[in-house]
Amino acid sequence: MSTKKGKEFIFPENVESKYGIFLGLGIMELLKYILPVAFGGILFIAIPPYNIGWLITKILMVLFMVVIAFGLLAARPVKARPNIRIQDDLKMKSQYKKRQKEFYKKREKRI
C-alpha cells in the first residue's frame, strides 16, 4: 500500500513577483526611478539658452542620465541569481557593514 502524497510544487530561486515591462523592470520601478529622471531632463532641456549647440549638448546629457538610470536598474550583479538587482545587492552590503559585530576575547586565566 502506498500513501497518496499529492503533487509536489518546486519553486525555483529566480522567480520574481513583478511582471517585467521593459528590460525586466516593473511598472512601479519605471514610475519611481525613470519618470523623475525623464521629467527632470525635459525641464533641463526647456531652460534657455536655445542655441543649437547648447540644445544638442543638453539632449545628449539627458540621454546619458537616462541610460545610466536604466543601466543601474537593469544590472544583475549575481549571474546565477537573476532576481537580485544591483540596488538589492548594495542595500544588503550596506546593512551588513552597519550590523553589530561580535568580537570574542580569550578569557584570562585565574590563578
PDB file of N, CA and C in Angstrom:
ATOM      1  N   MET A   1       0.823  -1.179   0.000  1.00  0.00           N
ATOM      2  CA  MET A   1       0.000   0.000   0.000  1.00  0.00           C
ATOM      3  C   MET A   1       0.875   1.254   0.000  1.00  0.00           C
ATOM      4  N   SER A   2       0.623   2.071  -0.930  1.00  0.00           N
ATOM      5  CA  SER A   2       1.369   3.326  -0.992  1.00  0.00           C
ATOM      6  C   SER A   2       0.495   4.457  -0.454  1.00  0.00           C
ATOM      7  N   THR A   3       1.135   5.375   0.172  1.00  0.00           N
ATOM      8  CA  THR A   3       0.393   6.520   0.693  1.00  0.00           C
ATOM      9  C   THR A   3       0.323   7.580  -0.397  1.00  0.00           C
ATOM     10  N   LYS A   4      -0.862   8.103  -0.587  1.00  0.00           N
ATOM     11  CA  LYS A   4      -1.053   9.146  -1.590  1.00  0.00           C
ATOM     12  C   LYS A   4      -0.578  10.465  -0.991  1.00  0.00           C
ATOM     13  N   LYS A   5       0.360  11.047  -1.646  1.00  0.00           N
ATOM     14  CA  LYS A   5       1.025  12.213  -1.092  1.00  0.00           C
ATOM     15  C   LYS A   5       0.519  13.528  -1.684  1.00  0.00           C
ATOM     16  N   GLY A   6       0.141  13.563  -2.876  1.00  0.00           N
ATOM     17  CA  GLY A   6      -0.263  14.801  -3.531  1.00  0.00           C
ATOM     18  C   GLY A   6       0.874  15.329  -4.393  1.00  0.00           C
ATOM     19  N   LYS A   7       0.591  16.385  -5.103  1.00  0.00           N
ATOM     20  CA  LYS A   7       1.577  16.930  -6.029  1.00  0.00           C
ATOM     21  C   LYS A   7       2.589  17.795  -5.287  1.00  0.00           C
ATOM     22  N   GLU A   8       3.850  17.634  -5.642  1.00  0.00           N
ATOM     23  CA  GLU A   8       4.910  18.455  -5.072  1.00  0.00           C
ATOM     24  C   GLU A   8       5.129  19.672  -5.956  1.00  0.00           C
ATOM     25  N   PHE A   9       5.205  20.815  -5.322  1.00  0.00           N
ATOM     26  CA  PHE A   9       5.480  22.047  -6.046  1.00  0.00           C
ATOM     27  C   PHE A   9       6.890  22.502  -5.709  1.00  0.00           C
ATOM     28  N   ILE A  10       7.659  22.772  -6.728  1.00  0.00           N
ATOM     29  CA  ILE A  10       9.033  23.238  -6.546  1.00  0.00           C
ATOM     30  C   ILE A  10       9.116  24.649  -7.100  1.00  0.00           C
ATOM     31  N   PHE A  11       9.494  25.573  -6.241  1.00  0.00           N
ATOM     32  CA  PHE A  11       9.634  26.955  -6.649  1.00  0.00           C
ATOM     33  C   PHE A  11      11.115  27.274  -6.817  1.00  0.00           C
ATOM     34  N   PRO A  12      11.523  27.647  -8.015  1.00  0.00           N
ATOM     35  CA  PRO A  12      12.936  27.979  -8.215  1.00  0.00           C
ATOM     36  C   PRO A  12      13.302  29.276  -7.504  1.00  0.00           C
ATOM     37  N   GLU A  13      14.595  29.477  -7.279  1.00  0.00           N
ATOM     38  CA  GLU A  13      15.060  30.652  -6.559  1.00  0.00           C
ATOM     39  C   GLU A  13      14.991  31.929  -7.384  1.00  0.00           C
ATOM     40  N   ASN A  14      14.931  31.817  -8.675  1.00  0.00           N
ATOM     41  CA  ASN A  14      14.991  33.013  -9.508  1.00  0.00           C
ATOM     42  C   ASN A  14      13.615  33.500  -9.960  1.00  0.00           C
ATOM     43  N   VAL A  15      12.579  33.278  -9.171  1.00  0.00           N
ATOM     44  CA  VAL A  15      11.241  33.727  -9.514  1.00  0.00           C
ATOM     45  C   VAL A  15      11.026  35.124  -8.946  1.00  0.00           C
ATOM     46  N   GLU A  16      10.507  36.009  -9.756  1.00  0.00           N
ATOM     47  CA  GLU A  16      10.201  37.359  -9.320  1.00  0.00           C
ATOM     48  C   GLU A  16       8.698  37.543  -9.265  1.00  0.00           C
ATOM     49  N   SER A  17       8.246  38.421  -8.369  1.00  0.00           N
ATOM     50  CA  SER A  17       6.817  38.675  -8.260  1.00  0.00           C
ATOM     51  C   SER A  17       6.363  39.771  -9.211  1.00  0.00           C
ATOM     52  N   LYS A  18       7.304  40.443  -9.881  1.00  0.00           N
ATOM     53  CA  LYS A  18       6.960  41.538 -10.782  1.00  0.00           C
ATOM     54  C   LYS A  18       6.857  41.045 -12.219  1.00  0.00           C
ATOM     55  N   TYR A  19       6.063  41.741 -12.986  1.00  0.00           N
ATOM     56  CA  TYR A  19       5.977  41.475 -14.409  1.00  0.00           C
ATOM     57  C   TYR A  19       6.867  42.488 -15.108  1.00  0.00           C
ATOM     58  N   GLY A  20       7.896  42.020 -15.783  1.00  0.00           N
ATOM     59  CA  GLY A  20       8.849  42.912 -16.427  1.00  0.00           C
ATOM     60  C   GLY A  20       8.274  43.543 -17.682  1.00  0.00           C
ATOM     61  N   ILE A  21       8.175  44.855 -17.691  1.00  0.00           N
ATOM     62  CA  ILE A  21       7.651  45.588 -18.841  1.00  0.00           C
ATOM     63  C   ILE A  21       8.762  45.869 -19.849  1.00  0.00           C
ATOM     64  N   PHE A  22       9.847  46.473 -19.362  1.00  0.00           N
ATOM     65  CA  PHE A  22      10.941  46.871 -20.235  1.00  0.00           C
ATOM     66  C   PHE A  22      12.251  46.588 -19.522  1.00  0.00           C
ATOM     67  N   LEU A  23      13.126  45.783 -20.123  1.00  0.00           N
ATOM     68  CA  LEU A  23      14.400  45.373 -19.545  1.00  0.00           C
ATOM     69  C   LEU A  23      14.230  44.702 -18.189  1.00  0.00           C
ATOM     70  N   GLY A  24      13.123  44.035 -17.986  1.00  0.00           N
ATOM     71  CA  GLY A  24      12.875  43.349 -16.724  1.00  0.00           C
ATOM     72  C   GLY A  24      12.438  44.265 -15.602  1.00  0.00           C
ATOM     73  N   LEU A  25      12.131  45.514 -15.910  1.00  0.00           N
ATOM     74  CA  LEU A  25      11.696  46.471 -14.893  1.00  0.00           C
ATOM     75  C   LEU A  25      10.178  46.477 -14.808  1.00  0.00           C
ATOM     76  N   GLY A  26       9.659  46.555 -13.602  1.00  0.00           N
ATOM     77  CA  GLY A  26       8.223  46.613 -13.403  1.00  0.00           C
ATOM     78  C   GLY A  26       7.693  48.028 -13.597  1.00  0.00           C
ATOM     79  N   ILE A  27       6.376  48.151 -13.576  1.00  0.00           N
ATOM     80  CA  ILE A  27       5.740  49.460 -13.780  1.00  0.00           C
ATOM     81  C   ILE A  27       6.114  50.422 -12.658  1.00  0.00           C
ATOM     82  N   MET A  28       6.098  49.938 -11.417  1.00  0.00           N
ATOM     83  CA  MET A  28       6.419  50.812 -10.292  1.00  0.00           C
ATOM     84  C   MET A  28       7.864  51.306 -10.355  1.00  0.00           C
ATOM     85  N   GLU A  29       8.774  50.470 -10.784  1.00  0.00           N
ATOM     86  CA  GLU A  29      10.162  50.910 -10.909  1.00  0.00           C
ATOM     87  C   GLU A  29      10.305  51.949 -12.006  1.00  0.00           C
ATOM     88  N   LEU A  30       9.600  51.754 -13.101  1.00  0.00           N
ATOM     89  CA  LEU A  30       9.651  52.753 -14.173  1.00  0.00           C
ATOM     90  C   LEU A  30       9.088  54.086 -13.693  1.00  0.00           C
ATOM     91  N   LEU A  31       7.981  54.045 -12.957  1.00  0.00           N
ATOM     92  CA  LEU A  31       7.383  55.277 -12.456  1.00  0.00           C
ATOM     93  C   LEU A  31       8.224  55.915 -11.352  1.00  0.00           C
ATOM     94  N   LYS A  32       8.845  55.109 -10.528  1.00  0.00           N
ATOM     95  CA  LYS A  32       9.578  55.611  -9.369  1.00  0.00           C
ATOM     96  C   LYS A  32      10.960  56.152  -9.731  1.00  0.00           C
ATOM     97  N   TYR A  33      11.644  55.539 -10.674  1.00  0.00           N
ATOM     98  CA  TYR A  33      13.018  55.919 -10.971  1.00  0.00           C
ATOM     99  C   TYR A  33      13.201  56.605 -12.318  1.00  0.00           C
ATOM    100  N   ILE A  34      12.591  56.086 -13.350  1.00  0.00           N
ATOM    101  CA  ILE A  34      12.828  56.605 -14.692  1.00  0.00           C
ATOM    102  C   ILE A  34      12.005  57.863 -14.980  1.00  0.00           C
ATOM    103  N   LEU A  35      10.751  57.888 -14.548  1.00  0.00           N
ATOM    104  CA  LEU A  35       9.895  59.040 -14.813  1.00  0.00           C
ATOM    105  C   LEU A  35      10.460  60.338 -14.223  1.00  0.00           C
ATOM    106  N   PRO A  36      10.941  60.370 -12.970  1.00  0.00           N
ATOM    107  CA  PRO A  36      11.528  61.628 -12.480  1.00  0.00           C
ATOM    108  C   PRO A  36      12.773  62.060 -13.254  1.00  0.00           C
ATOM    109  N   VAL A  37      13.598  61.103 -13.668  1.00  0.00           N
ATOM    110  CA  VAL A  37      14.789  61.456 -14.442  1.00  0.00           C
ATOM    111  C   VAL A  37      14.383  62.031 -15.795  1.00  0.00           C
ATOM    112  N   ALA A  38      13.404  61.407 -16.435  1.00  0.00           N
ATOM    113  CA  ALA A  38      12.932  61.901 -17.737  1.00  0.00           C
ATOM    114  C   ALA A  38      12.254  63.269 -17.596  1.00  0.00           C
ATOM    115  N   PHE A  39      11.457  63.444 -16.547  1.00  0.00           N
ATOM    116  CA  PHE A  39      10.782  64.731 -16.337  1.00  0.00           C
ATOM    117  C   PHE A  39      11.801  65.830 -16.031  1.00  0.00           C
ATOM    118  N   GLY A  40      12.783  65.519 -15.191  1.00  0.00           N
ATOM    119  CA  GLY A  40      13.844  66.491 -14.914  1.00  0.00           C
ATOM    120  C   GLY A  40      14.641  66.820 -16.158  1.00  0.00           C
ATOM    121  N   GLY A  41      14.853  65.824 -17.011  1.00  0.00           N
ATOM    122  CA  GLY A  41      15.568  66.060 -18.259  1.00  0.00           C
ATOM    123  C   GLY A  41      14.801  66.971 -19.201  1.00  0.00           C
ATOM    124  N   ILE A  42      13.497  66.776 -19.268  1.00  0.00           N
ATOM    125  CA  ILE A  42      12.675  67.647 -20.122  1.00  0.00           C
ATOM    126  C   ILE A  42      12.704  69.078 -19.614  1.00  0.00           C
ATOM    127  N   LEU A  43      12.647  69.242 -18.270  1.00  0.00           N
ATOM    128  CA  LEU A  43      12.739  70.589 -17.705  1.00  0.00           C
ATOM    129  C   LEU A  43      14.106  71.199 -17.983  1.00  0.00           C
ATOM    130  N   PHE A  44      15.163  70.395 -17.898  1.00  0.00           N
ATOM    131  CA  PHE A  44      16.507  70.883 -18.176  1.00  0.00           C
ATOM    132  C   PHE A  44      16.642  71.329 -19.626  1.00  0.00           C
ATOM    133  N   ILE A  45      16.035  70.589 -20.535  1.00  0.00           N
ATOM    134  CA  ILE A  45      16.091  70.973 -21.954  1.00  0.00           C
ATOM    135  C   ILE A  45      15.286  72.242 -22.204  1.00  0.00           C
ATOM    136  N   ALA A  46      14.206  72.451 -21.435  1.00  0.00           N
ATOM    137  CA  ALA A  46      13.346  73.619 -21.647  1.00  0.00           C
ATOM    138  C   ALA A  46      13.965  74.916 -21.138  1.00  0.00           C
ATOM    139  N   ILE A  47      14.982  74.836 -20.292  1.00  0.00           N
ATOM    140  CA  ILE A  47      15.621  76.042 -19.764  1.00  0.00           C
ATOM    141  C   ILE A  47      16.467  76.681 -20.866  1.00  0.00           C
ATOM    142  N   PRO A  48      16.354  78.024 -21.032  1.00  0.00           N
ATOM    143  CA  PRO A  48      17.171  78.692 -22.041  1.00  0.00           C
ATOM    144  C   PRO A  48      18.651  78.579 -21.718  1.00  0.00           C
ATOM    145  N   PRO A  49      19.561  78.713 -22.610  1.00  0.00           N
ATOM    146  CA  PRO A  49      19.511  79.213 -23.972  1.00  0.00           C
ATOM    147  C   PRO A  49      19.109  78.128 -24.973  1.00  0.00           C
ATOM    148  N   TYR A  50      18.558  78.594 -26.058  1.00  0.00           N
ATOM    149  CA  TYR A  50      18.066  77.675 -27.079  1.00  0.00           C
ATOM    150  C   TYR A  50      18.974  77.613 -28.297  1.00  0.00           C
ATOM    151  N   ASN A  51      20.212  77.958 -28.143  1.00  0.00           N
ATOM    152  CA  ASN A  51      21.197  77.847 -29.209  1.00  0.00           C
ATOM    153  C   ASN A  51      21.292  76.375 -29.623  1.00  0.00           C
ATOM    154  N   ILE A  52      21.503  76.086 -30.882  1.00  0.00           N
ATOM    155  CA  ILE A  52      21.508  74.704 -31.373  1.00  0.00           C
ATOM    156  C   ILE A  52      22.619  73.883 -30.729  1.00  0.00           C
ATOM    157  N   GLY A  53      23.769  74.476 -30.488  1.00  0.00           N
ATOM    158  CA  GLY A  53      24.873  73.769 -29.832  1.00  0.00           C
ATOM    159  C   GLY A  53      24.527  73.398 -28.393  1.00  0.00           C
ATOM    160  N   TRP A  54      23.973  74.359 -27.642  1.00  0.00           N
ATOM    161  CA  TRP A  54      23.557  74.080 -26.264  1.00  0.00           C
ATOM    162  C   TRP A  54      22.423  73.069 -26.220  1.00  0.00           C
ATOM    163  N   LEU A  55      21.498  73.157 -27.144  1.00  0.00           N
ATOM    164  CA  LEU A  55      20.358  72.237 -27.164  1.00  0.00           C
ATOM    165  C   LEU A  55      20.821  70.797 -27.403  1.00  0.00           C
ATOM    166  N   ILE A  56      21.742  70.610 -28.331  1.00  0.00           N
ATOM    167  CA  ILE A  56      22.268  69.263 -28.597  1.00  0.00           C
ATOM    168  C   ILE A  56      23.036  68.746 -27.376  1.00  0.00           C
ATOM    169  N   THR A  57      23.813  69.634 -26.738  1.00  0.00           N
ATOM    170  CA  THR A  57      24.553  69.239 -25.534  1.00  0.00           C
ATOM    171  C   THR A  57      23.594  68.825 -24.424  1.00  0.00           C
ATOM    172  N   LYS A  58      22.526  69.590 -24.236  1.00  0.00           N
ATOM    173  CA  LYS A  58      21.537  69.259 -23.200  1.00  0.00           C
ATOM    174  C   LYS A  58      20.857  67.924 -23.492  1.00  0.00           C
ATOM    175  N   ILE A  59      20.493  67.711 -24.734  1.00  0.00           N
ATOM    176  CA  ILE A  59      19.823  66.457 -25.105  1.00  0.00           C
ATOM    177  C   ILE A  59      20.750  65.268 -24.871  1.00  0.00           C
ATOM    178  N   LEU A  60      22.022  65.413 -25.236  1.00  0.00           N
ATOM    179  CA  LEU A  60      22.980  64.327 -25.002  1.00  0.00           C
ATOM    180  C   LEU A  60      23.180  64.063 -23.511  1.00  0.00           C
ATOM    181  N   MET A  61      23.204  65.123 -22.692  1.00  0.00           N
ATOM    182  CA  MET A  61      23.343  64.945 -21.242  1.00  0.00           C
ATOM    183  C   MET A  61      22.136  64.216 -20.661  1.00  0.00           C
ATOM    184  N   VAL A  62      20.931  64.572 -21.107  1.00  0.00           N
ATOM    185  CA  VAL A  62      19.714  63.925 -20.614  1.00  0.00           C
ATOM    186  C   VAL A  62      19.680  62.464 -21.048  1.00  0.00           C
ATOM    187  N   LEU A  63      20.036  62.181 -22.289  1.00  0.00           N
ATOM    188  CA  LEU A  63      20.094  60.794 -22.756  1.00  0.00           C
ATOM    189  C   LEU A  63      21.100  59.980 -21.954  1.00  0.00           C
ATOM    190  N   PHE A  64      22.241  60.589 -21.634  1.00  0.00           N
ATOM    191  CA  PHE A  64      23.254  59.905 -20.830  1.00  0.00           C
ATOM    192  C   PHE A  64      22.713  59.577 -19.435  1.00  0.00           C
ATOM    193  N   MET A  65      21.989  60.533 -18.820  1.00  0.00           N
ATOM    194  CA  MET A  65      21.412  60.289 -17.486  1.00  0.00           C
ATOM    195  C   MET A  65      20.369  59.180 -17.527  1.00  0.00           C
ATOM    196  N   VAL A  66      19.536  59.153 -18.555  1.00  0.00           N
ATOM    197  CA  VAL A  66      18.503  58.124 -18.662  1.00  0.00           C
ATOM    198  C   VAL A  66      19.136  56.752 -18.898  1.00  0.00           C
ATOM    199  N   VAL A  67      20.165  56.700 -19.724  1.00  0.00           N
ATOM    200  CA  VAL A  67      20.852  55.427 -19.978  1.00  0.00           C
ATOM    201  C   VAL A  67      21.516  54.921 -18.695  1.00  0.00           C
ATOM    202  N   ILE A  68      22.138  55.811 -17.927  1.00  0.00           N
ATOM    203  CA  ILE A  68      22.749  55.417 -16.650  1.00  0.00           C
ATOM    204  C   ILE A  68      21.682  54.890 -15.692  1.00  0.00           C
ATOM    205  N   ALA A  69      20.525  55.563 -15.630  1.00  0.00           N
ATOM    206  CA  ALA A  69      19.444  55.110 -14.745  1.00  0.00           C
ATOM    207  C   ALA A  69      18.949  53.726 -15.167  1.00  0.00           C
ATOM    208  N   PHE A  70      18.730  53.512 -16.453  1.00  0.00           N
ATOM    209  CA  PHE A  70      18.310  52.196 -16.940  1.00  0.00           C
ATOM    210  C   PHE A  70      19.383  51.141 -16.655  1.00  0.00           C
ATOM    211  N   GLY A  71      20.640  51.510 -16.847  1.00  0.00           N
ATOM    212  CA  GLY A  71      21.733  50.568 -16.607  1.00  0.00           C
ATOM    213  C   GLY A  71      21.817  50.141 -15.156  1.00  0.00           C
ATOM    214  N   LEU A  72      21.673  51.082 -14.237  1.00  0.00           N
ATOM    215  CA  LEU A  72      21.729  50.742 -12.823  1.00  0.00           C
ATOM    216  C   LEU A  72      20.533  49.900 -12.380  1.00  0.00           C
ATOM    217  N   LEU A  73      19.376  50.159 -12.961  1.00  0.00           N
ATOM    218  CA  LEU A  73      18.193  49.388 -12.578  1.00  0.00           C
ATOM    219  C   LEU A  73      18.186  47.995 -13.187  1.00  0.00           C
ATOM    220  N   ALA A  74      18.722  47.856 -14.379  1.00  0.00           N
ATOM    221  CA  ALA A  74      18.647  46.572 -15.069  1.00  0.00           C
ATOM    222  C   ALA A  74      19.854  45.678 -14.805  1.00  0.00           C
ATOM    223  N   ALA A  75      20.885  46.196 -14.143  1.00  0.00           N
ATOM    224  CA  ALA A  75      22.096  45.407 -13.909  1.00  0.00           C
ATOM    225  C   ALA A  75      21.826  44.290 -12.901  1.00  0.00           C
ATOM    226  N   ARG A  76      22.407  43.159 -13.150  1.00  0.00           N
ATOM    227  CA  ARG A  76      22.292  41.997 -12.265  1.00  0.00           C
ATOM    228  C   ARG A  76      23.695  41.612 -11.811  1.00  0.00           C
ATOM    229  N   PRO A  77      24.063  41.890 -10.558  1.00  0.00           N
ATOM    230  CA  PRO A  77      25.434  41.622 -10.119  1.00  0.00           C
ATOM    231  C   PRO A  77      25.754  40.141  -9.935  1.00  0.00           C
ATOM    232  N   VAL A  78      24.744  39.314  -9.650  1.00  0.00           N
ATOM    233  CA  VAL A  78      24.970  37.887  -9.440  1.00  0.00           C
ATOM    234  C   VAL A  78      24.372  37.144 -10.639  1.00  0.00           C
ATOM    235  N   LYS A  79      25.232  36.561 -11.474  1.00  0.00           N
ATOM    236  CA  LYS A  79      24.761  35.929 -12.706  1.00  0.00           C
ATOM    237  C   LYS A  79      23.859  34.729 -12.440  1.00  0.00           C
ATOM    238  N   ALA A  80      24.129  33.989 -11.360  1.00  0.00           N
ATOM    239  CA  ALA A  80      23.341  32.788 -11.068  1.00  0.00           C
ATOM    240  C   ALA A  80      21.963  33.130 -10.502  1.00  0.00           C
ATOM    241  N   ARG A  81      21.785  34.343 -10.006  1.00  0.00           N
ATOM    242  CA  ARG A  81      20.508  34.744  -9.417  1.00  0.00           C
ATOM    243  C   ARG A  81      19.976  35.982 -10.143  1.00  0.00           C
ATOM    244  N   PRO A  82      19.241  35.811 -11.228  1.00  0.00           N
ATOM    245  CA  PRO A  82      18.790  36.982 -11.996  1.00  0.00           C
ATOM    246  C   PRO A  82      17.717  37.804 -11.298  1.00  0.00           C
ATOM    247  N   ASN A  83      17.168  37.342 -10.159  1.00  0.00           N
ATOM    248  CA  ASN A  83      16.170  38.147  -9.470  1.00  0.00           C
ATOM    249  C   ASN A  83      16.798  39.141  -8.499  1.00  0.00           C
ATOM    250  N   ILE A  84      18.118  39.110  -8.324  1.00  0.00           N
ATOM    251  CA  ILE A  84      18.791  40.063  -7.460  1.00  0.00           C
ATOM    252  C   ILE A  84      19.294  41.214  -8.320  1.00  0.00           C
ATOM    253  N   ARG A  85      18.832  42.413  -7.986  1.00  0.00           N
ATOM    254  CA  ARG A  85      19.252  43.598  -8.725  1.00  0.00           C
ATOM    255  C   ARG A  85      20.387  44.272  -7.987  1.00  0.00           C
ATOM    256  N   ILE A  86      21.012  45.236  -8.643  1.00  0.00           N
ATOM    257  CA  ILE A  86      22.170  45.900  -8.059  1.00  0.00           C
ATOM    258  C   ILE A  86      21.758  46.709  -6.829  1.00  0.00           C
ATOM    259  N   GLN A  87      20.551  47.292  -6.822  1.00  0.00           N
ATOM    260  CA  GLN A  87      20.128  48.067  -5.661  1.00  0.00           C
ATOM    261  C   GLN A  87      19.902  47.158  -4.457  1.00  0.00           C
ATOM    262  N   ASP A  88      19.387  45.946  -4.679  1.00  0.00           N
ATOM    263  CA  ASP A  88      19.228  44.996  -3.584  1.00  0.00           C
ATOM    264  C   ASP A  88      20.585  44.567  -3.045  1.00  0.00           C
ATOM    265  N   ASP A  89      21.526  44.342  -3.937  1.00  0.00           N
ATOM    266  CA  ASP A  89      22.862  43.920  -3.540  1.00  0.00           C
ATOM    267  C   ASP A  89      23.559  45.012  -2.734  1.00  0.00           C
ATOM    268  N   LEU A  90      23.463  46.254  -3.182  1.00  0.00           N
ATOM    269  CA  LEU A  90      24.089  47.361  -2.458  1.00  0.00           C
ATOM    270  C   LEU A  90      23.439  47.579  -1.098  1.00  0.00           C
ATOM    271  N   LYS A  91      22.109  47.430  -1.029  1.00  0.00           N
ATOM    272  CA  LYS A  91      21.411  47.579   0.249  1.00  0.00           C
ATOM    273  C   LYS A  91      21.834  46.487   1.229  1.00  0.00           C
ATOM    274  N   MET A  92      21.944  45.268   0.742  1.00  0.00           N
ATOM    275  CA  MET A  92      22.357  44.164   1.599  1.00  0.00           C
ATOM    276  C   MET A  92      23.787  44.378   2.107  1.00  0.00           C
ATOM    277  N   LYS A  93      24.690  44.849   1.249  1.00  0.00           N
ATOM    278  CA  LYS A  93      26.061  45.096   1.667  1.00  0.00           C
ATOM    279  C   LYS A  93      26.148  46.228   2.679  1.00  0.00           C
ATOM    280  N   SER A  94      25.354  47.286   2.508  1.00  0.00           N
ATOM    281  CA  SER A  94      25.397  48.390   3.474  1.00  0.00           C
ATOM    282  C   SER A  94      24.814  47.961   4.821  1.00  0.00           C
ATOM    283  N   GLN A  95      23.755  47.150   4.806  1.00  0.00           N
ATOM    284  CA  GLN A  95      23.206  46.646   6.058  1.00  0.00           C
ATOM    285  C   GLN A  95      24.205  45.727   6.749  1.00  0.00           C
ATOM    286  N   TYR A  96      24.962  44.974   5.986  1.00  0.00           N
ATOM    287  CA  TYR A  96      25.974  44.094   6.556  1.00  0.00           C
ATOM    288  C   TYR A  96      27.078  44.908   7.238  1.00  0.00           C
ATOM    289  N   LYS A  97      27.470  46.025   6.620  1.00  0.00           N
ATOM    290  CA  LYS A  97      28.509  46.856   7.215  1.00  0.00           C
ATOM    291  C   LYS A  97      28.027  47.548   8.490  1.00  0.00           C
ATOM    292  N   LYS A  98      26.719  47.869   8.569  1.00  0.00           N
ATOM    293  CA  LYS A  98      26.176  48.587   9.720  1.00  0.00           C
ATOM    294  C   LYS A  98      25.814  47.678  10.899  1.00  0.00           C
ATOM    295  N   ARG A  99      25.804  46.397  10.700  1.00  0.00           N
ATOM    296  CA  ARG A  99      25.335  45.500  11.750  1.00  0.00           C
ATOM    297  C   ARG A  99      26.312  45.435  12.912  1.00  0.00           C
ATOM    298  N   GLN A 100      25.800  44.955  14.028  1.00  0.00           N
ATOM    299  CA  GLN A 100      26.630  44.795  15.208  1.00  0.00           C
ATOM    300  C   GLN A 100      27.643  43.687  14.985  1.00  0.00           C
ATOM    301  N   LYS A 101      28.901  43.991  15.254  1.00  0.00           N
ATOM    302  CA  LYS A 101      29.939  42.984  15.129  1.00  0.00           C
ATOM    303  C   LYS A 101      30.229  42.398  16.501  1.00  0.00           C
ATOM    304  N   GLU A 102      30.486  41.123  16.554  1.00  0.00           N
ATOM    305  CA  GLU A 102      30.817  40.472  17.811  1.00  0.00           C
ATOM    306  C   GLU A 102      32.285  40.079  17.776  1.00  0.00           C
ATOM    307  N   PHE A 103      32.972  40.435  18.818  1.00  0.00           N
ATOM    308  CA  PHE A 103      34.377  40.075  18.939  1.00  0.00           C
ATOM    309  C   PHE A 103      34.538  39.278  20.222  1.00  0.00           C
ATOM    310  N   TYR A 104      35.195  38.171  20.137  1.00  0.00           N
ATOM    311  CA  TYR A 104      35.404  37.318  21.288  1.00  0.00           C
ATOM    312  C   TYR A 104      36.867  37.430  21.718  1.00  0.00           C
ATOM    313  N   LYS A 105      37.037  37.598  23.008  1.00  0.00           N
ATOM    314  CA  LYS A 105      38.385  37.638  23.559  1.00  0.00           C
ATOM    315  C   LYS A 105      38.629  36.382  24.353  1.00  0.00           C
ATOM    316  N   LYS A 106      39.845  35.986  24.398  1.00  0.00           N
ATOM    317  CA  LYS A 106      40.215  34.829  25.187  1.00  0.00           C
ATOM    318  C   LYS A 106      40.088  35.183  26.663  1.00  0.00           C
ATOM    319  N   ARG A 107      39.474  34.306  27.433  1.00  0.00           N
ATOM    320  CA  ARG A 107      39.326  34.562  28.869  1.00  0.00           C
ATOM    321  C   ARG A 107      40.687  34.568  29.549  1.00  0.00           C
ATOM    322  N   GLU A 108      40.787  35.435  30.506  1.00  0.00           N
ATOM    323  CA  GLU A 108      42.023  35.470  31.283  1.00  0.00           C
ATOM    324  C   GLU A 108      42.049  34.307  32.245  1.00  0.00           C
ATOM    325  N   LYS A 109      43.225  33.771  32.462  1.00  0.00           N
ATOM    326  CA  LYS A 109      43.373  32.670  33.414  1.00  0.00           C
ATOM    327  C   LYS A 109      43.353  33.214  34.829  1.00  0.00           C
ATOM    328  N   ARG A 110      42.568  32.578  35.654  1.00  0.00           N
ATOM    329  CA  ARG A 110      42.555  32.948  37.068  1.00  0.00           C
ATOM    330  C   ARG A 110      43.481  31.999  37.830  1.00  0.00           C
ATOM    331  N   ILE A 111      44.285  32.576  38.639  1.00  0.00           N
ATOM    332  CA  ILE A 111      45.235  31.751  39.396  1.00  0.00           C
ATOM    333  C   ILE A 111      44.708  31.463  40.777  1.00  0.00           C
TER     334      ILE A 111
END
